[in-house]
Amino acid sequence: MVDRSEEIVELQTRLQFQDDVLQKLDEVVIKQGQLLDRMMRRMAALEERLEQLVFERDNPAARFEPKPPHY
């Protein structure tokens, strides 16, 4: 039969392990959030560039016209 002190040590060990796992998972979530932010910014830039290329394809003269200052 396991005495109380051994049970307490076992519970403390489990708690420490869970704390470590939780910390590692938190770090992963933070890194994934940062990566997602970078990917979203990159995707927005690519979408903007694609729209520009489609516009230029559909309006060949627009390539040679300067953009207005407010653009």
PDB file of N, CA and C in Angstrom:
ATOM      1  N   MET A   1       0.841  -1.177   0.000  1.00  0.00           N
ATOM      2  CA  MET A   1       0.000   0.000   0.000  1.00  0.00           C
ATOM      3  C   MET A   1       0.891   1.246   0.000  1.00  0.00           C
ATOM      4  N   VAL A   2       0.505   2.211  -0.777  1.00  0.00           N
ATOM      5  CA  VAL A   2       1.269   3.446  -0.906  1.00  0.00           C
ATOM      6  C   VAL A   2       0.870   4.398   0.207  1.00  0.00           C
ATOM      7  N   ASP A   3       1.863   4.975   0.835  1.00  0.00           N
ATOM      8  CA  ASP A   3       1.520   5.913   1.913  1.00  0.00           C
ATOM      9  C   ASP A   3       1.269   7.312   1.340  1.00  0.00           C
ATOM     10  N   ARG A   4       0.769   8.186   2.149  1.00  0.00           N
ATOM     11  CA  ARG A   4       0.354   9.528   1.728  1.00  0.00           C
ATOM     12  C   ARG A   4       1.513  10.343   1.137  1.00  0.00           C
ATOM     13  N   SER A   5       2.679  10.228   1.734  1.00  0.00           N
ATOM     14  CA  SER A   5       3.809  11.020   1.242  1.00  0.00           C
ATOM     15  C   SER A   5       4.193  10.604  -0.185  1.00  0.00           C
ATOM     16  N   GLU A   6       4.107   9.315  -0.483  1.00  0.00           N
ATOM     17  CA  GLU A   6       4.396   8.840  -1.838  1.00  0.00           C
ATOM     18  C   GLU A   6       3.320   9.326  -2.824  1.00  0.00           C
ATOM     19  N   GLU A   7       2.073   9.348  -2.364  1.00  0.00           N
ATOM     20  CA  GLU A   7       0.991   9.844  -3.213  1.00  0.00           C
ATOM     21  C   GLU A   7       1.191  11.325  -3.524  1.00  0.00           C
ATOM     22  N   ILE A   8       1.598  12.071  -2.518  1.00  0.00           N
ATOM     23  CA  ILE A   8       1.830  13.505  -2.704  1.00  0.00           C
ATOM     24  C   ILE A   8       2.982  13.728  -3.691  1.00  0.00           C
ATOM     25  N   VAL A   9       4.047  12.968  -3.531  1.00  0.00           N
ATOM     26  CA  VAL A   9       5.182  13.085  -4.452  1.00  0.00           C
ATOM     27  C   VAL A   9       4.741  12.739  -5.874  1.00  0.00           C
ATOM     28  N   GLU A  10       3.957  11.700  -6.019  1.00  0.00           N
ATOM     29  CA  GLU A  10       3.447  11.296  -7.335  1.00  0.00           C
ATOM     30  C   GLU A  10       2.590  12.417  -7.943  1.00  0.00           C
ATOM     31  N   LEU A  11       1.714  12.995  -7.167  1.00  0.00           N
ATOM     32  CA  LEU A  11       0.864  14.076  -7.646  1.00  0.00           C
ATOM     33  C   LEU A  11       1.698  15.316  -8.018  1.00  0.00           C
ATOM     34  N   GLN A  12       2.694  15.627  -7.217  1.00  0.00           N
ATOM     35  CA  GLN A  12       3.557  16.761  -7.518  1.00  0.00           C
ATOM     36  C   GLN A  12       4.341  16.524  -8.810  1.00  0.00           C
ATOM     37  N   THR A  13       4.777  15.303  -9.003  1.00  0.00           N
ATOM     38  CA  THR A  13       5.506  14.952 -10.223  1.00  0.00           C
ATOM     39  C   THR A  13       4.606  15.106 -11.443  1.00  0.00           C
ATOM     40  N   ARG A  14       3.394  14.607 -11.339  1.00  0.00           N
ATOM     41  CA  ARG A  14       2.433  14.734 -12.445  1.00  0.00           C
ATOM     42  C   ARG A  14       2.120  16.204 -12.729  1.00  0.00           C
ATOM     43  N   LEU A  15       1.928  16.970 -11.688  1.00  0.00           N
ATOM     44  CA  LEU A  15       1.622  18.387 -11.851  1.00  0.00           C
ATOM     45  C   LEU A  15       2.778  19.111 -12.545  1.00  0.00           C
ATOM     46  N   GLN A  16       3.992  18.816 -12.138  1.00  0.00           N
ATOM     47  CA  GLN A  16       5.157  19.441 -12.769  1.00  0.00           C
ATOM     48  C   GLN A  16       5.243  19.064 -14.235  1.00  0.00           C
ATOM     49  N   PHE A  17       4.995  17.799 -14.549  1.00  0.00           N
ATOM     50  CA  PHE A  17       5.007  17.347 -15.938  1.00  0.00           C
ATOM     51  C   PHE A  17       3.939  18.092 -16.746  1.00  0.00           C
ATOM     52  N   GLN A  18       2.744  18.215 -16.196  1.00  0.00           N
ATOM     53  CA  GLN A  18       1.665  18.923 -16.889  1.00  0.00           C
ATOM     54  C   GLN A  18       1.999  20.400 -17.067  1.00  0.00           C
ATOM     55  N   ASP A  19       2.609  21.002 -16.077  1.00  0.00           N
ATOM     56  CA  ASP A  19       3.035  22.399 -16.202  1.00  0.00           C
ATOM     57  C   ASP A  19       4.056  22.563 -17.333  1.00  0.00           C
ATOM     58  N   ASP A  20       5.002  21.635 -17.410  1.00  0.00           N
ATOM     59  CA  ASP A  20       6.012  21.683 -18.472  1.00  0.00           C
ATOM     60  C   ASP A  20       5.362  21.535 -19.850  1.00  0.00           C
ATOM     61  N   VAL A  21       4.447  20.596 -19.975  1.00  0.00           N
ATOM     62  CA  VAL A  21       3.763  20.380 -21.248  1.00  0.00           C
ATOM     63  C   VAL A  21       2.948  21.611 -21.628  1.00  0.00           C
ATOM     64  N   LEU A  22       2.257  22.171 -20.664  1.00  0.00           N
ATOM     65  CA  LEU A  22       1.452  23.366 -20.917  1.00  0.00           C
ATOM     66  C   LEU A  22       2.332  24.523 -21.372  1.00  0.00           C
ATOM     67  N   GLN A  23       3.474  24.703 -20.753  1.00  0.00           N
ATOM     68  CA  GLN A  23       4.409  25.764 -21.152  1.00  0.00           C
ATOM     69  C   GLN A  23       4.882  25.554 -22.582  1.00  0.00           C
ATOM     70  N   LYS A  24       5.236  24.321 -22.932  1.00  0.00           N
ATOM     71  CA  LYS A  24       5.693  24.025 -24.293  1.00  0.00           C
ATOM     72  C   LYS A  24       4.576  24.263 -25.301  1.00  0.00           C
ATOM     73  N   LEU A  25       3.385  23.856 -24.981  1.00  0.00           N
ATOM     74  CA  LEU A  25       2.247  24.082 -25.880  1.00  0.00           C
ATOM     75  C   LEU A  25       1.969  25.566 -26.053  1.00  0.00           C
ATOM     76  N   ASP A  26       2.097  26.321 -24.993  1.00  0.00           N
ATOM     77  CA  ASP A  26       1.903  27.766 -25.063  1.00  0.00           C
ATOM     78  C   ASP A  26       2.925  28.393 -26.006  1.00  0.00           C
ATOM     79  N   GLU A  27       4.158  27.959 -25.923  1.00  0.00           N
ATOM     80  CA  GLU A  27       5.204  28.471 -26.809  1.00  0.00           C
ATOM     81  C   GLU A  27       4.893  28.129 -28.269  1.00  0.00           C
ATOM     82  N   VAL A  28       4.406  26.925 -28.501  1.00  0.00           N
ATOM     83  CA  VAL A  28       4.045  26.513 -29.863  1.00  0.00           C
ATOM     84  C   VAL A  28       2.903  27.383 -30.392  1.00  0.00           C
ATOM     85  N   VAL A  29       1.900  27.621 -29.572  1.00  0.00           N
ATOM     86  CA  VAL A  29       0.762  28.439 -29.991  1.00  0.00           C
ATOM     87  C   VAL A  29       1.218  29.864 -30.321  1.00  0.00           C
ATOM     88  N   ILE A  30       2.099  30.419 -29.522  1.00  0.00           N
ATOM     89  CA  ILE A  30       2.616  31.768 -29.777  1.00  0.00           C
ATOM     90  C   ILE A  30       3.371  31.800 -31.108  1.00  0.00           C
ATOM     91  N   LYS A  31       4.246  30.821 -31.332  1.00  0.00           N
ATOM     92  CA  LYS A  31       5.007  30.768 -32.584  1.00  0.00           C
ATOM     93  C   LYS A  31       4.079  30.596 -33.776  1.00  0.00           C
ATOM     94  N   GLN A  32       3.059  29.751 -33.641  1.00  0.00           N
ATOM     95  CA  GLN A  32       2.119  29.554 -34.738  1.00  0.00           C
ATOM     96  C   GLN A  32       1.329  30.829 -35.013  1.00  0.00           C
ATOM     97  N   GLY A  33       0.984  31.566 -33.979  1.00  0.00           N
ATOM     98  CA  GLY A  33       0.287  32.831 -34.163  1.00  0.00           C
ATOM     99  C   GLY A  33       1.141  33.838 -34.910  1.00  0.00           C
ATOM    100  N   GLN A  34       2.426  33.897 -34.556  1.00  0.00           N
ATOM    101  CA  GLN A  34       3.348  34.810 -35.241  1.00  0.00           C
ATOM    102  C   GLN A  34       3.512  34.404 -36.701  1.00  0.00           C
ATOM    103  N   LEU A  35       3.633  33.107 -36.939  1.00  0.00           N
ATOM    104  CA  LEU A  35       3.759  32.601 -38.306  1.00  0.00           C
ATOM    105  C   LEU A  35       2.497  32.914 -39.105  1.00  0.00           C
ATOM    106  N   LEU A  36       1.355  32.727 -38.501  1.00  0.00           N
ATOM    107  CA  LEU A  36       0.092  33.016 -39.168  1.00  0.00           C
ATOM    108  C   LEU A  36      -0.004  34.496 -39.523  1.00  0.00           C
ATOM    109  N   ASP A  37       0.414  35.369 -38.625  1.00  0.00           N
ATOM    110  CA  ASP A  37       0.415  36.808 -38.906  1.00  0.00           C
ATOM    111  C   ASP A  37       1.297  37.127 -40.114  1.00  0.00           C
ATOM    112  N   ARG A  38       2.500  36.551 -40.142  1.00  0.00           N
ATOM    113  CA  ARG A  38       3.403  36.786 -41.279  1.00  0.00           C
ATOM    114  C   ARG A  38       2.795  36.257 -42.575  1.00  0.00           C
ATOM    115  N   MET A  39       2.196  35.090 -42.508  1.00  0.00           N
ATOM    116  CA  MET A  39       1.597  34.504 -43.704  1.00  0.00           C
ATOM    117  C   MET A  39       0.410  35.336 -44.201  1.00  0.00           C
ATOM    118  N   MET A  40      -0.373  35.870 -43.287  1.00  0.00           N
ATOM    119  CA  MET A  40      -1.514  36.700 -43.676  1.00  0.00           C
ATOM    120  C   MET A  40      -1.034  37.989 -44.355  1.00  0.00           C
ATOM    121  N   ARG A  41       0.030  38.605 -43.809  1.00  0.00           N
ATOM    122  CA  ARG A  41       0.570  39.812 -44.431  1.00  0.00           C
ATOM    123  C   ARG A  41       1.123  39.492 -45.823  1.00  0.00           C
ATOM    124  N   ARG A  42       1.806  38.377 -45.920  1.00  0.00           N
ATOM    125  CA  ARG A  42       2.373  37.964 -47.218  1.00  0.00           C
ATOM    126  C   ARG A  42       1.258  37.679 -48.214  1.00  0.00           C
ATOM    127  N   MET A  43       0.220  37.000 -47.782  1.00  0.00           N
ATOM    128  CA  MET A  43      -0.895  36.693 -48.664  1.00  0.00           C
ATOM    129  C   MET A  43      -1.579  37.976 -49.129  1.00  0.00           C
ATOM    130  N   ALA A  44      -1.756  38.937 -48.235  1.00  0.00           N
ATOM    131  CA  ALA A  44      -2.374  40.208 -48.613  1.00  0.00           C
ATOM    132  C   ALA A  44      -1.518  40.923 -49.664  1.00  0.00           C
ATOM    133  N   ALA A  45      -0.211  40.909 -49.495  1.00  0.00           N
ATOM    134  CA  ALA A  45       0.681  41.541 -50.472  1.00  0.00           C
ATOM    135  C   ALA A  45       0.592  40.822 -51.817  1.00  0.00           C
ATOM    136  N   LEU A  46       0.532  39.504 -51.790  1.00  0.00           N
ATOM    137  CA  LEU A  46       0.418  38.738 -53.031  1.00  0.00           C
ATOM    138  C   LEU A  46      -0.923  38.979 -53.719  1.00  0.00           C
ATOM    139  N   GLU A  47      -1.987  39.081 -52.941  1.00  0.00           N
ATOM    140  CA  GLU A  47      -3.292  39.374 -53.518  1.00  0.00           C
ATOM    141  C   GLU A  47      -3.291  40.739 -54.191  1.00  0.00           C
ATOM    142  N   GLU A  48      -2.674  41.717 -53.518  1.00  0.00           N
ATOM    143  CA  GLU A  48      -2.591  43.059 -54.089  1.00  0.00           C
ATOM    144  C   GLU A  48      -1.803  43.033 -55.395  1.00  0.00           C
ATOM    145  N   ARG A  49      -0.700  42.322 -55.390  1.00  0.00           N
ATOM    146  CA  ARG A  49       0.135  42.220 -56.605  1.00  0.00           C
ATOM    147  C   ARG A  49      -0.638  41.517 -57.717  1.00  0.00           C
ATOM    148  N   LEU A  50      -1.363  40.471 -57.392  1.00  0.00           N
ATOM    149  CA  LEU A  50      -2.149  39.751 -58.392  1.00  0.00           C
ATOM    150  C   LEU A  50      -3.215  40.665 -58.998  1.00  0.00           C
ATOM    151  N   GLU A  51      -3.891  41.425 -58.143  1.00  0.00           N
ATOM    152  CA  GLU A  51      -4.892  42.364 -58.652  1.00  0.00           C
ATOM    153  C   GLU A  51      -4.251  43.374 -59.598  1.00  0.00           C
ATOM    154  N   GLN A  52      -3.064  43.837 -59.246  1.00  0.00           N
ATOM    155  CA  GLN A  52      -2.351  44.794 -60.092  1.00  0.00           C
ATOM    156  C   GLN A  52      -2.009  44.155 -61.437  1.00  0.00           C
ATOM    157  N   LEU A  53      -1.513  42.923 -61.414  1.00  0.00           N
ATOM    158  CA  LEU A  53      -1.155  42.245 -62.660  1.00  0.00           C
ATOM    159  C   LEU A  53      -2.376  41.985 -63.533  1.00  0.00           C
ATOM    160  N   VAL A  54      -3.475  41.597 -62.927  1.00  0.00           N
ATOM    161  CA  VAL A  54      -4.705  41.359 -63.692  1.00  0.00           C
ATOM    162  C   VAL A  54      -5.177  42.665 -64.314  1.00  0.00           C
ATOM    163  N   PHE A  55      -5.135  43.746 -63.541  1.00  0.00           N
ATOM    164  CA  PHE A  55      -5.533  45.053 -64.069  1.00  0.00           C
ATOM    165  C   PHE A  55      -4.645  45.438 -65.241  1.00  0.00           C
ATOM    166  N   GLU A  56      -3.348  45.262 -65.100  1.00  0.00           N
ATOM    167  CA  GLU A  56      -2.416  45.608 -66.176  1.00  0.00           C
ATOM    168  C   GLU A  56      -2.639  44.729 -67.399  1.00  0.00           C
ATOM    169  N   ARG A  57      -2.956  43.466 -67.176  1.00  0.00           N
ATOM    170  CA  ARG A  57      -3.238  42.572 -68.294  1.00  0.00           C
ATOM    171  C   ARG A  57      -4.486  43.026 -69.043  1.00  0.00           C
ATOM    172  N   ASP A  58      -5.515  43.398 -68.281  1.00  0.00           N
ATOM    173  CA  ASP A  58      -6.779  43.799 -68.889  1.00  0.00           C
ATOM    174  C   ASP A  58      -6.752  45.222 -69.423  1.00  0.00           C
ATOM    175  N   ASN A  59      -5.799  46.022 -68.986  1.00  0.00           N
ATOM    176  CA  ASN A  59      -5.673  47.426 -69.405  1.00  0.00           C
ATOM    177  C   ASN A  59      -4.221  47.699 -69.770  1.00  0.00           C
ATOM    178  N   PRO A  60      -3.770  47.228 -70.932  1.00  0.00           N
ATOM    179  CA  PRO A  60      -2.346  47.353 -71.283  1.00  0.00           C
ATOM    180  C   PRO A  60      -1.831  48.789 -71.249  1.00  0.00           C
ATOM    181  N   ALA A  61      -2.663  49.749 -71.580  1.00  0.00           N
ATOM    182  CA  ALA A  61      -2.209  51.141 -71.582  1.00  0.00           C
ATOM    183  C   ALA A  61      -1.917  51.626 -70.167  1.00  0.00           C
ATOM    184  N   ALA A  62      -2.524  51.028 -69.167  1.00  0.00           N
ATOM    185  CA  ALA A  62      -2.341  51.466 -67.782  1.00  0.00           C
ATOM    186  C   ALA A  62      -0.910  51.263 -67.300  1.00  0.00           C
ATOM    187  N   ARG A  63      -0.186  50.355 -67.925  1.00  0.00           N
ATOM    188  CA  ARG A  63       1.200  50.118 -67.513  1.00  0.00           C
ATOM    189  C   ARG A  63       2.085  51.330 -67.752  1.00  0.00           C
ATOM    190  N   PHE A  64       1.695  52.116 -68.750  1.00  0.00           N
ATOM    191  CA  PHE A  64       2.534  53.239 -69.135  1.00  0.00           C
ATOM    192  C   PHE A  64       2.025  54.567 -68.586  1.00  0.00           C
ATOM    193  N   GLU A  65       0.864  54.548 -67.975  1.00  0.00           N
ATOM    194  CA  GLU A  65       0.306  55.759 -67.402  1.00  0.00           C
ATOM    195  C   GLU A  65       0.740  55.850 -65.936  1.00  0.00           C
ATOM    196  N   PRO A  66       1.207  57.026 -65.513  1.00  0.00           N
ATOM    197  CA  PRO A  66       1.575  57.145 -64.092  1.00  0.00           C
ATOM    198  C   PRO A  66       0.332  57.047 -63.225  1.00  0.00           C
ATOM    199  N   LYS A  67       0.482  56.483 -62.069  1.00  0.00           N
ATOM    200  CA  LYS A  67      -0.633  56.366 -61.139  1.00  0.00           C
ATOM    201  C   LYS A  67      -0.905  57.729 -60.514  1.00  0.00           C
ATOM    202  N   PRO A  68      -2.159  58.029 -60.229  1.00  0.00           N
ATOM    203  CA  PRO A  68      -2.449  59.310 -59.576  1.00  0.00           C
ATOM    204  C   PRO A  68      -1.819  59.353 -58.179  1.00  0.00           C
ATOM    205  N   PRO A  69      -1.562  60.548 -57.662  1.00  0.00           N
ATOM    206  CA  PRO A  69      -0.869  60.671 -56.362  1.00  0.00           C
ATOM    207  C   PRO A  69      -1.629  60.029 -55.202  1.00  0.00           C
ATOM    208  N   HIS A  70      -2.934  59.932 -55.282  1.00  0.00           N
ATOM    209  CA  HIS A  70      -3.702  59.359 -54.175  1.00  0.00           C
ATOM    210  C   HIS A  70      -3.706  57.837 -54.194  1.00  0.00           C
ATOM    211  N   TYR A  71      -3.150  57.181 -55.191  1.00  0.00           N
ATOM    212  CA  TYR A  71      -3.192  55.729 -55.316  1.00  0.00           C
ATOM    213  C   TYR A  71      -2.284  55.082 -54.370  1.00  0.00           C
TER     214      TYR A  71
END
